[in-house]
Amino acid sequence: MNLPLLEVIQTHGKRTEGTCYCKLNPSLVPTGKAELKEGFFFLLVTNGTAQLIDENQSYELQPSHLVALTPSVRSTIQAMSSHFQAMILYLKPTFFDTLPDVQPLYEQLARYLGYYRLPVFLLENVQTTYLQNIFTLFSQCRDNATNYYDGILNHLCCFCLLQIADILSKIDHEIPNYARRSTDIFRLFKKTLMENYRQHHDIGFYAESLHISTTYLSRIVKHITGHTVRFHISELLCADARKLLECTDLDIKEVAEKLGFSDQSAFGKFFAKKTGFSPMKFRTQRERDKKNYLLPDA
């Protein structure tokens, strides 16, 4: 069994609950092989060579190669040269789906679904240098940000993903250049979801808005992201709830109403199932954490 690359970078890199940034080299992979799976991996090769393989073919990686993998894709990196180096950004799918600006990148990567080819791109030197500078910010952010770290990290992730999407939009993908129906539906689903998730928590609303069946919408979303429609809705609601509880003085009932729940009890059960805390306990704990952080050292 191949060593999961996520375990490697979480051990040696800068990590949070939803992200991990690491500089990869052969010394970190004693088995010589590491599997990329079940997450969003963005790997930028800066030196040396390596081989990336999936069940269909292999790819020779070299400096300026960018690899962008979605959770539904599995591949293995191996045969790293002694001076191989790469910068890797991992985003947990549940975290990725809460970010507001992921749609452009989804559109670029969705082109590869069903074509049996991994999203591996050879960038121009100026694009490589630019992405290197952006990736480095993740390490600097972890080392320097304090009070507003979560907000800074979210904005940095959105900035990075938009820049990658912009770069990929200028590359000749060498695949049929027509919009696949499933890609269009998913793009419209994400747009509709971002605009309506507070008011509409049921899959029926989104399927009806897109003029398709709930079964068809479920199949498309599951195929592209590895998660259900309900999961996408609940992740957005939970992220919004955490922000409102932590950053506003709205009472629990007002938060529940703002997020479209029938009553405070329904919201409380939802939040507790997602986080393990009641809304009140979560708010109290976050306030306690802030006070402890601000207390001067003894």
C-alpha atoms as a PDB file:
ATOM      1  CA  MET A   1       0.000   0.000   0.000  1.00  0.00           C
ATOM      2  CA  ASN A   2       1.321   3.436  -0.970  1.00  0.00           C
ATOM      3  CA  LEU A   3       1.929   6.075   1.674  1.00  0.00           C
ATOM      4  CA  PRO A   4      -0.801   8.771   1.551  1.00  0.00           C
ATOM      5  CA  LEU A   5       0.818  12.069   0.567  1.00  0.00           C
ATOM      6  CA  LEU A   6      -1.564  13.889   2.912  1.00  0.00           C
ATOM      7  CA  GLU A   7       0.044  12.133   5.892  1.00  0.00           C
ATOM      8  CA  VAL A   8       3.469  13.222   4.678  1.00  0.00           C
ATOM      9  CA  ILE A   9       2.661  16.893   4.255  1.00  0.00           C
ATOM     10  CA  GLN A  10       0.602  17.091   7.447  1.00  0.00           C
ATOM     11  CA  THR A  11       3.606  15.764   9.355  1.00  0.00           C
ATOM     12  CA  HIS A  12       6.145  18.111   7.798  1.00  0.00           C
ATOM     13  CA  GLY A  13       4.144  21.136   6.636  1.00  0.00           C
ATOM     14  CA  LYS A  14       2.109  24.056   7.937  1.00  0.00           C
ATOM     15  CA  ARG A  15      -1.398  22.793   8.612  1.00  0.00           C
ATOM     16  CA  THR A  16      -4.801  23.930   9.795  1.00  0.00           C
ATOM     17  CA  GLU A  17      -8.079  22.051  10.079  1.00  0.00           C
ATOM     18  CA  GLY A  18      -8.842  22.563   6.386  1.00  0.00           C
ATOM     19  CA  THR A  19      -5.492  23.301   4.706  1.00  0.00           C
ATOM     20  CA  CYS A  20      -1.892  22.181   4.586  1.00  0.00           C
ATOM     21  CA  TYR A  21       1.120  23.710   2.857  1.00  0.00           C
ATOM     22  CA  CYS A  22       4.411  21.860   2.460  1.00  0.00           C
ATOM     23  CA  LYS A  23       7.637  21.815   0.466  1.00  0.00           C
ATOM     24  CA  LEU A  24       8.049  18.260  -0.792  1.00  0.00           C
ATOM     25  CA  ASN A  25      11.368  16.516  -1.388  1.00  0.00           C
ATOM     26  CA  PRO A  26      12.412  12.829  -1.609  1.00  0.00           C
ATOM     27  CA  SER A  27      13.587  12.686   2.014  1.00  0.00           C
ATOM     28  CA  LEU A  28       9.977  13.088   3.168  1.00  0.00           C
ATOM     29  CA  VAL A  29       8.851   9.961   1.284  1.00  0.00           C
ATOM     30  CA  PRO A  30      11.016   7.070   2.505  1.00  0.00           C
ATOM     31  CA  THR A  31       8.969   4.502   0.567  1.00  0.00           C
ATOM     32  CA  GLY A  32       9.628   6.345  -2.690  1.00  0.00           C
ATOM     33  CA  LYS A  33       5.915   6.474  -3.508  1.00  0.00           C
ATOM     34  CA  ALA A  34       3.035   8.572  -2.160  1.00  0.00           C
ATOM     35  CA  GLU A  35      -0.624   8.511  -3.123  1.00  0.00           C
ATOM     36  CA  LEU A  36      -2.649  11.662  -3.758  1.00  0.00           C
ATOM     37  CA  LYS A  37      -6.312  11.075  -2.991  1.00  0.00           C
ATOM     38  CA  GLU A  38      -9.469  12.408  -1.331  1.00  0.00           C
ATOM     39  CA  GLY A  39      -8.664  16.098  -1.462  1.00  0.00           C
ATOM     40  CA  PHE A  40      -7.723  19.080  -3.558  1.00  0.00           C
ATOM     41  CA  PHE A  41      -3.982  18.958  -4.257  1.00  0.00           C
ATOM     42  CA  PHE A  42      -2.103  21.739  -6.036  1.00  0.00           C
ATOM     43  CA  LEU A  43       1.493  20.722  -6.680  1.00  0.00           C
ATOM     44  CA  LEU A  44       4.025  23.083  -8.292  1.00  0.00           C
ATOM     45  CA  VAL A  45       7.354  21.513  -9.278  1.00  0.00           C
ATOM     46  CA  THR A  46      10.301  23.854  -8.697  1.00  0.00           C
ATOM     47  CA  ASN A  47      13.270  21.539  -9.207  1.00  0.00           C
ATOM     48  CA  GLY A  48      14.188  18.050 -10.400  1.00  0.00           C
ATOM     49  CA  THR A  49      11.885  15.450 -11.904  1.00  0.00           C
ATOM     50  CA  ALA A  50       9.334  12.889 -10.769  1.00  0.00           C
ATOM     51  CA  GLN A  51       6.661  10.620 -12.188  1.00  0.00           C
ATOM     52  CA  LEU A  52       2.926  10.995 -11.615  1.00  0.00           C
ATOM     53  CA  ILE A  53       0.793   8.002 -12.522  1.00  0.00           C
ATOM     54  CA  ASP A  54      -2.844   6.971 -12.422  1.00  0.00           C
ATOM     55  CA  GLU A  55      -4.605   3.865 -13.683  1.00  0.00           C
ATOM     56  CA  ASN A  56      -4.493   5.102 -17.282  1.00  0.00           C
ATOM     57  CA  GLN A  57      -1.104   6.676 -17.932  1.00  0.00           C
ATOM     58  CA  SER A  58       1.997   8.318 -16.462  1.00  0.00           C
ATOM     59  CA  TYR A  59       3.272  11.898 -16.577  1.00  0.00           C
ATOM     60  CA  GLU A  60       6.872  13.049 -16.349  1.00  0.00           C
ATOM     61  CA  LEU A  61       6.980  16.022 -14.014  1.00  0.00           C
ATOM     62  CA  GLN A  62       9.640  18.698 -14.381  1.00  0.00           C
ATOM     63  CA  PRO A  63      10.151  22.284 -13.175  1.00  0.00           C
ATOM     64  CA  SER A  64       7.188  24.582 -13.943  1.00  0.00           C
ATOM     65  CA  HIS A  65       4.694  21.715 -14.003  1.00  0.00           C
ATOM     66  CA  LEU A  66       1.492  22.416 -12.074  1.00  0.00           C
ATOM     67  CA  VAL A  67      -0.733  19.512 -10.996  1.00  0.00           C
ATOM     68  CA  ALA A  68      -4.285  20.277  -9.863  1.00  0.00           C
ATOM     69  CA  LEU A  69      -6.231  17.288  -8.529  1.00  0.00           C
ATOM     70  CA  THR A  70      -9.823  17.049  -7.293  1.00  0.00           C
ATOM     71  CA  PRO A  71     -11.089  14.596  -4.608  1.00  0.00           C
ATOM     72  CA  SER A  72     -12.446  12.143  -7.174  1.00  0.00           C
ATOM     73  CA  VAL A  73      -8.971  11.637  -8.724  1.00  0.00           C
ATOM     74  CA  ARG A  74      -6.353   9.256  -7.393  1.00  0.00           C
ATOM     75  CA  SER A  75      -2.742   9.220  -8.512  1.00  0.00           C
ATOM     76  CA  THR A  76       0.712   8.330  -7.221  1.00  0.00           C
ATOM     77  CA  ILE A  77       3.914  10.356  -7.250  1.00  0.00           C
ATOM     78  CA  GLN A  78       7.092   8.312  -7.496  1.00  0.00           C
ATOM     79  CA  ALA A  79      10.595   8.126  -9.033  1.00  0.00           C
ATOM     80  CA  MET A  80      11.574  11.490  -7.556  1.00  0.00           C
ATOM     81  CA  SER A  81      15.083  12.574  -8.522  1.00  0.00           C
ATOM     82  CA  SER A  82      17.501  13.312  -5.695  1.00  0.00           C
ATOM     83  CA  HIS A  83      17.094  17.074  -6.172  1.00  0.00           C
ATOM     84  CA  PHE A  84      13.324  17.005  -6.731  1.00  0.00           C
ATOM     85  CA  GLN A  85      11.392  19.781  -4.990  1.00  0.00           C
ATOM     86  CA  ALA A  86       7.764  20.833  -5.168  1.00  0.00           C
ATOM     87  CA  MET A  87       5.433  23.186  -3.352  1.00  0.00           C
ATOM     88  CA  ILE A  88       2.152  21.558  -2.341  1.00  0.00           C
ATOM     89  CA  LEU A  89      -1.073  23.131  -1.199  1.00  0.00           C
ATOM     90  CA  TYR A  90      -3.761  20.768   0.094  1.00  0.00           C
ATOM     91  CA  LEU A  91      -7.338  21.873   0.733  1.00  0.00           C
ATOM     92  CA  LYS A  92      -9.777  19.617   2.548  1.00  0.00           C
ATOM     93  CA  PRO A  93     -12.927  19.197   0.415  1.00  0.00           C
ATOM     94  CA  THR A  94     -15.201  20.358   3.231  1.00  0.00           C
ATOM     95  CA  PHE A  95     -13.141  23.536   3.582  1.00  0.00           C
ATOM     96  CA  PHE A  96     -12.802  24.060  -0.168  1.00  0.00           C
ATOM     97  CA  ASP A  97     -16.568  23.990  -0.616  1.00  0.00           C
ATOM     98  CA  THR A  98     -17.096  26.801   1.894  1.00  0.00           C
ATOM     99  CA  LEU A  99     -14.929  29.223  -0.099  1.00  0.00           C
ATOM    100  CA  PRO A 100     -16.983  31.696  -2.167  1.00  0.00           C
ATOM    101  CA  ASP A 101     -14.681  31.967  -5.199  1.00  0.00           C
ATOM    102  CA  VAL A 102     -14.080  28.362  -6.267  1.00  0.00           C
ATOM    103  CA  GLN A 103     -16.419  28.306  -9.265  1.00  0.00           C
ATOM    104  CA  PRO A 104     -13.872  29.493 -11.884  1.00  0.00           C
ATOM    105  CA  LEU A 105     -11.424  26.780 -10.857  1.00  0.00           C
ATOM    106  CA  TYR A 106     -14.165  24.141 -10.859  1.00  0.00           C
ATOM    107  CA  GLU A 107     -14.956  25.134 -14.452  1.00  0.00           C
ATOM    108  CA  GLN A 108     -11.346  24.663 -15.531  1.00  0.00           C
ATOM    109  CA  LEU A 109     -10.827  21.320 -13.788  1.00  0.00           C
ATOM    110  CA  ALA A 110     -14.229  19.902 -14.769  1.00  0.00           C
ATOM    111  CA  ARG A 111     -13.029  19.819 -18.386  1.00  0.00           C
ATOM    112  CA  TYR A 112     -10.916  16.798 -17.503  1.00  0.00           C
ATOM    113  CA  LEU A 113     -13.667  14.641 -16.043  1.00  0.00           C
ATOM    114  CA  GLY A 114     -14.330  11.718 -18.336  1.00  0.00           C
ATOM    115  CA  TYR A 115     -11.287  12.279 -20.573  1.00  0.00           C
ATOM    116  CA  TYR A 116      -8.934   9.935 -18.689  1.00  0.00           C
ATOM    117  CA  ARG A 117      -6.242  12.563 -18.375  1.00  0.00           C
ATOM    118  CA  LEU A 118      -4.880  14.196 -15.240  1.00  0.00           C
ATOM    119  CA  PRO A 119      -4.827  18.003 -14.992  1.00  0.00           C
ATOM    120  CA  VAL A 120      -1.058  18.468 -15.465  1.00  0.00           C
ATOM    121  CA  PHE A 121       0.084  21.776 -16.949  1.00  0.00           C
ATOM    122  CA  LEU A 122       3.433  23.190 -18.031  1.00  0.00           C
ATOM    123  CA  LEU A 123       3.502  26.854 -17.039  1.00  0.00           C
ATOM    124  CA  GLU A 124       5.525  29.714 -18.416  1.00  0.00           C
ATOM    125  CA  ASN A 125       8.427  30.882 -16.259  1.00  0.00           C
ATOM    126  CA  VAL A 126       6.666  34.082 -15.209  1.00  0.00           C
ATOM    127  CA  GLN A 127       3.556  32.111 -14.186  1.00  0.00           C
ATOM    128  CA  THR A 128       5.669  29.656 -12.181  1.00  0.00           C
ATOM    129  CA  THR A 129       7.462  32.456 -10.319  1.00  0.00           C
ATOM    130  CA  TYR A 130       4.157  34.161  -9.582  1.00  0.00           C
ATOM    131  CA  LEU A 131       2.583  30.989  -8.143  1.00  0.00           C
ATOM    132  CA  GLN A 132       5.706  30.277  -6.098  1.00  0.00           C
ATOM    133  CA  ASN A 133       5.331  33.662  -4.438  1.00  0.00           C
ATOM    134  CA  ILE A 134       1.657  32.996  -3.697  1.00  0.00           C
ATOM    135  CA  PHE A 135       2.292  29.520  -2.258  1.00  0.00           C
ATOM    136  CA  THR A 136       4.993  30.936   0.013  1.00  0.00           C
ATOM    137  CA  LEU A 137       2.394  33.243   1.555  1.00  0.00           C
ATOM    138  CA  PHE A 138       0.698  30.234   3.156  1.00  0.00           C
ATOM    139  CA  SER A 139       3.761  29.551   5.243  1.00  0.00           C
ATOM    140  CA  GLN A 140       4.219  33.214   6.104  1.00  0.00           C
ATOM    141  CA  CYS A 141       0.544  33.564   6.982  1.00  0.00           C
ATOM    142  CA  ARG A 142       0.753  30.660   9.421  1.00  0.00           C
ATOM    143  CA  ASP A 143       3.863  32.135  11.055  1.00  0.00           C
ATOM    144  CA  ASN A 144       2.708  35.753  11.356  1.00  0.00           C
ATOM    145  CA  ALA A 145      -1.105  36.061  11.459  1.00  0.00           C
ATOM    146  CA  THR A 146      -2.759  36.092  14.889  1.00  0.00           C
ATOM    147  CA  ASN A 147      -6.156  37.637  15.649  1.00  0.00           C
ATOM    148  CA  TYR A 148      -7.537  37.459  12.115  1.00  0.00           C
ATOM    149  CA  TYR A 149      -5.836  34.295  10.919  1.00  0.00           C
ATOM    150  CA  ASP A 150      -8.991  32.471   9.781  1.00  0.00           C
ATOM    151  CA  GLY A 151     -10.159  35.416   7.677  1.00  0.00           C
ATOM    152  CA  ILE A 152      -6.706  35.988   6.218  1.00  0.00           C
ATOM    153  CA  LEU A 153      -6.380  32.299   5.330  1.00  0.00           C
ATOM    154  CA  ASN A 154      -9.803  32.195   3.641  1.00  0.00           C
ATOM    155  CA  HIS A 155      -9.012  35.242   1.516  1.00  0.00           C
ATOM    156  CA  LEU A 156      -5.569  33.874   0.678  1.00  0.00           C
ATOM    157  CA  CYS A 157      -7.090  30.566  -0.467  1.00  0.00           C
ATOM    158  CA  CYS A 158      -9.613  32.384  -2.669  1.00  0.00           C
ATOM    159  CA  PHE A 159      -6.856  34.583  -4.101  1.00  0.00           C
ATOM    160  CA  CYS A 160      -4.676  31.564  -4.866  1.00  0.00           C
ATOM    161  CA  LEU A 161      -7.489  29.537  -6.459  1.00  0.00           C
ATOM    162  CA  LEU A 162      -8.593  32.441  -8.625  1.00  0.00           C
ATOM    163  CA  GLN A 163      -5.020  32.973  -9.803  1.00  0.00           C
ATOM    164  CA  ILE A 164      -4.685  29.288 -10.694  1.00  0.00           C
ATOM    165  CA  ALA A 165      -8.023  29.400 -12.541  1.00  0.00           C
ATOM    166  CA  ASP A 166      -6.873  32.476 -14.450  1.00  0.00           C
ATOM    167  CA  ILE A 167      -3.624  30.768 -15.467  1.00  0.00           C
ATOM    168  CA  LEU A 168      -5.425  27.594 -16.550  1.00  0.00           C
ATOM    169  CA  SER A 169      -7.925  29.584 -18.606  1.00  0.00           C
ATOM    170  CA  LYS A 170      -5.038  30.727 -20.832  1.00  0.00           C
ATOM    171  CA  ILE A 171      -3.638  27.248 -21.438  1.00  0.00           C
ATOM    172  CA  ASP A 172      -4.476  25.078 -24.433  1.00  0.00           C
ATOM    173  CA  HIS A 173      -6.015  22.102 -22.692  1.00  0.00           C
ATOM    174  CA  GLU A 174      -5.891  19.893 -25.794  1.00  0.00           C
ATOM    175  CA  ILE A 175      -9.303  18.424 -25.074  1.00  0.00           C
ATOM    176  CA  PRO A 176     -12.615  19.012 -26.868  1.00  0.00           C
ATOM    177  CA  ASN A 177     -13.423  22.700 -26.491  1.00  0.00           C
ATOM    178  CA  TYR A 178     -17.150  22.472 -25.933  1.00  0.00           C
ATOM    179  CA  ALA A 179     -19.137  22.836 -22.739  1.00  0.00           C
ATOM    180  CA  ARG A 180     -20.209  19.510 -21.298  1.00  0.00           C
ATOM    181  CA  ARG A 181     -23.777  19.560 -20.024  1.00  0.00           C
ATOM    182  CA  SER A 182     -22.822  18.223 -16.606  1.00  0.00           C
ATOM    183  CA  THR A 183     -20.203  20.949 -16.216  1.00  0.00           C
ATOM    184  CA  ASP A 184     -22.714  23.643 -17.081  1.00  0.00           C
ATOM    185  CA  ILE A 185     -25.242  22.219 -14.636  1.00  0.00           C
ATOM    186  CA  PHE A 186     -22.691  22.062 -11.842  1.00  0.00           C
ATOM    187  CA  ARG A 187     -21.559  25.628 -12.498  1.00  0.00           C
ATOM    188  CA  LEU A 188     -25.155  26.847 -12.340  1.00  0.00           C
ATOM    189  CA  PHE A 189     -25.805  24.775  -9.227  1.00  0.00           C
ATOM    190  CA  LYS A 190     -22.876  26.423  -7.393  1.00  0.00           C
ATOM    191  CA  LYS A 191     -24.061  29.864  -8.451  1.00  0.00           C
ATOM    192  CA  THR A 192     -27.643  29.151  -7.377  1.00  0.00           C
ATOM    193  CA  LEU A 193     -26.453  27.614  -4.109  1.00  0.00           C
ATOM    194  CA  MET A 194     -24.331  30.634  -3.139  1.00  0.00           C
ATOM    195  CA  GLU A 195     -27.300  32.923  -3.760  1.00  0.00           C
ATOM    196  CA  ASN A 196     -29.949  30.847  -1.962  1.00  0.00           C
ATOM    197  CA  TYR A 197     -28.462  28.528   0.663  1.00  0.00           C
ATOM    198  CA  ARG A 198     -29.770  30.617   3.552  1.00  0.00           C
ATOM    199  CA  GLN A 199     -33.345  30.475   2.338  1.00  0.00           C
ATOM    200  CA  HIS A 200     -33.463  27.037   0.717  1.00  0.00           C
ATOM    201  CA  HIS A 201     -32.029  23.935   2.372  1.00  0.00           C
ATOM    202  CA  ASP A 202     -33.630  21.271   0.176  1.00  0.00           C
ATOM    203  CA  ILE A 203     -32.277  19.696  -3.007  1.00  0.00           C
ATOM    204  CA  GLY A 204     -35.693  20.017  -4.666  1.00  0.00           C
ATOM    205  CA  PHE A 205     -35.386  23.799  -4.917  1.00  0.00           C
ATOM    206  CA  TYR A 206     -32.042  23.596  -6.732  1.00  0.00           C
ATOM    207  CA  ALA A 207     -33.135  20.825  -9.082  1.00  0.00           C
ATOM    208  CA  GLU A 208     -36.305  22.754  -9.946  1.00  0.00           C
ATOM    209  CA  SER A 209     -34.304  25.964 -10.488  1.00  0.00           C
ATOM    210  CA  LEU A 210     -32.089  24.112 -12.989  1.00  0.00           C
ATOM    211  CA  HIS A 211     -35.053  22.304 -14.609  1.00  0.00           C
ATOM    212  CA  ILE A 212     -33.663  18.829 -13.910  1.00  0.00           C
ATOM    213  CA  SER A 213     -34.552  15.956 -11.590  1.00  0.00           C
ATOM    214  CA  THR A 214     -33.140  15.670  -8.092  1.00  0.00           C
ATOM    215  CA  THR A 215     -31.584  12.325  -9.069  1.00  0.00           C
ATOM    216  CA  TYR A 216     -29.727  13.851 -12.006  1.00  0.00           C
ATOM    217  CA  LEU A 217     -28.468  16.799  -9.949  1.00  0.00           C
ATOM    218  CA  SER A 218     -27.334  14.473  -7.168  1.00  0.00           C
ATOM    219  CA  ARG A 219     -25.424  12.290  -9.606  1.00  0.00           C
ATOM    220  CA  ILE A 220     -23.615  15.238 -11.216  1.00  0.00           C
ATOM    221  CA  VAL A 221     -22.623  16.888  -7.937  1.00  0.00           C
ATOM    222  CA  LYS A 222     -21.490  13.581  -6.435  1.00  0.00           C
ATOM    223  CA  HIS A 223     -19.427  12.735  -9.529  1.00  0.00           C
ATOM    224  CA  ILE A 224     -17.648  16.095  -9.704  1.00  0.00           C
ATOM    225  CA  THR A 225     -17.021  16.724  -5.996  1.00  0.00           C
ATOM    226  CA  GLY A 226     -17.395  13.384  -4.251  1.00  0.00           C
ATOM    227  CA  HIS A 227     -20.058  14.877  -1.958  1.00  0.00           C
ATOM    228  CA  THR A 228     -23.841  15.099  -1.945  1.00  0.00           C
ATOM    229  CA  VAL A 229     -25.932  18.207  -2.575  1.00  0.00           C
ATOM    230  CA  ARG A 230     -27.070  18.138   1.055  1.00  0.00           C
ATOM    231  CA  PHE A 231     -23.443  18.126   2.167  1.00  0.00           C
ATOM    232  CA  HIS A 232     -22.677  21.263   0.107  1.00  0.00           C
ATOM    233  CA  ILE A 233     -25.687  23.047   1.591  1.00  0.00           C
ATOM    234  CA  SER A 234     -24.852  22.071   5.160  1.00  0.00           C
ATOM    235  CA  GLU A 235     -21.200  23.105   4.841  1.00  0.00           C
ATOM    236  CA  LEU A 236     -22.141  26.601   3.719  1.00  0.00           C
ATOM    237  CA  LEU A 237     -24.733  26.916   6.482  1.00  0.00           C
ATOM    238  CA  CYS A 238     -22.298  25.728   9.125  1.00  0.00           C
ATOM    239  CA  ALA A 239     -19.519  28.086   8.010  1.00  0.00           C
ATOM    240  CA  ASP A 240     -21.994  30.971   7.988  1.00  0.00           C
ATOM    241  CA  ALA A 241     -23.314  30.015  11.419  1.00  0.00           C
ATOM    242  CA  ARG A 242     -19.830  29.889  12.925  1.00  0.00           C
ATOM    243  CA  LYS A 243     -19.072  33.338  11.524  1.00  0.00           C
ATOM    244  CA  LEU A 244     -22.314  34.844  12.822  1.00  0.00           C
ATOM    245  CA  LEU A 245     -21.882  33.318  16.268  1.00  0.00           C
ATOM    246  CA  GLU A 246     -18.288  34.433  16.544  1.00  0.00           C
ATOM    247  CA  CYS A 247     -18.350  37.841  14.873  1.00  0.00           C
ATOM    248  CA  THR A 248     -21.808  39.291  15.648  1.00  0.00           C
ATOM    249  CA  ASP A 249     -23.899  39.932  18.740  1.00  0.00           C
ATOM    250  CA  LEU A 250     -27.023  38.354  17.236  1.00  0.00           C
ATOM    251  CA  ASP A 251     -28.743  36.026  19.669  1.00  0.00           C
ATOM    252  CA  ILE A 252     -29.169  32.340  18.776  1.00  0.00           C
ATOM    253  CA  LYS A 253     -32.764  32.803  17.634  1.00  0.00           C
ATOM    254  CA  GLU A 254     -31.761  35.636  15.295  1.00  0.00           C
ATOM    255  CA  VAL A 255     -28.944  33.548  13.833  1.00  0.00           C
ATOM    256  CA  ALA A 256     -31.381  30.683  13.250  1.00  0.00           C
ATOM    257  CA  GLU A 257     -33.833  33.002  11.469  1.00  0.00           C
ATOM    258  CA  LYS A 258     -31.085  34.569   9.388  1.00  0.00           C
ATOM    259  CA  LEU A 259     -29.992  31.132   8.162  1.00  0.00           C
ATOM    260  CA  GLY A 260     -33.499  30.005   7.283  1.00  0.00           C
ATOM    261  CA  PHE A 261     -34.149  27.469  10.038  1.00  0.00           C
ATOM    262  CA  SER A 262     -37.720  26.910  11.187  1.00  0.00           C
ATOM    263  CA  ASP A 263     -36.819  27.601  14.810  1.00  0.00           C
ATOM    264  CA  GLN A 264     -33.944  27.845  17.272  1.00  0.00           C
ATOM    265  CA  SER A 265     -34.223  24.169  18.211  1.00  0.00           C
ATOM    266  CA  ALA A 266     -33.805  22.967  14.621  1.00  0.00           C
ATOM    267  CA  PHE A 267     -30.768  25.204  14.203  1.00  0.00           C
ATOM    268  CA  GLY A 268     -29.267  23.959  17.469  1.00  0.00           C
ATOM    269  CA  LYS A 269     -29.602  20.304  16.433  1.00  0.00           C
ATOM    270  CA  PHE A 270     -28.071  21.045  13.017  1.00  0.00           C
ATOM    271  CA  PHE A 271     -25.137  22.965  14.484  1.00  0.00           C
ATOM    272  CA  ALA A 272     -24.437  20.392  17.175  1.00  0.00           C
ATOM    273  CA  LYS A 273     -24.423  17.580  14.611  1.00  0.00           C
ATOM    274  CA  LYS A 274     -21.941  19.474  12.398  1.00  0.00           C
ATOM    275  CA  THR A 275     -19.585  20.783  15.095  1.00  0.00           C
ATOM    276  CA  GLY A 276     -20.150  18.775  18.250  1.00  0.00           C
ATOM    277  CA  PHE A 277     -21.118  21.962  20.131  1.00  0.00           C
ATOM    278  CA  SER A 278     -24.380  23.726  20.818  1.00  0.00           C
ATOM    279  CA  PRO A 279     -24.467  27.269  19.364  1.00  0.00           C
ATOM    280  CA  MET A 280     -24.224  28.784  22.837  1.00  0.00           C
ATOM    281  CA  LYS A 281     -21.348  26.551  23.904  1.00  0.00           C
ATOM    282  CA  PHE A 282     -19.485  27.322  20.669  1.00  0.00           C
ATOM    283  CA  ARG A 283     -19.889  31.074  21.187  1.00  0.00           C
ATOM    284  CA  THR A 284     -18.828  30.849  24.834  1.00  0.00           C
ATOM    285  CA  GLN A 285     -15.774  28.762  23.952  1.00  0.00           C
ATOM    286  CA  ARG A 286     -14.668  31.161  21.207  1.00  0.00           C
ATOM    287  CA  GLU A 287     -15.022  34.137  23.539  1.00  0.00           C
ATOM    288  CA  ARG A 288     -12.971  32.318  26.177  1.00  0.00           C
ATOM    289  CA  ASP A 289     -10.271  31.499  23.621  1.00  0.00           C
ATOM    290  CA  LYS A 290     -10.016  35.145  22.582  1.00  0.00           C
ATOM    291  CA  LYS A 291      -9.694  36.309  26.197  1.00  0.00           C
ATOM    292  CA  ASN A 292      -6.996  33.744  26.914  1.00  0.00           C
ATOM    293  CA  TYR A 293      -5.086  34.818  23.838  1.00  0.00           C
ATOM    294  CA  LEU A 294      -5.188  38.472  24.855  1.00  0.00           C
ATOM    295  CA  LEU A 295      -4.054  37.818  28.444  1.00  0.00           C
ATOM    296  CA  PRO A 296      -0.408  38.879  29.001  1.00  0.00           C
ATOM    297  CA  ASP A 297       2.104  36.164  29.745  1.00  0.00           C
ATOM    298  CA  ALA A 298       2.815  35.675  33.402  1.00  0.00           C
END
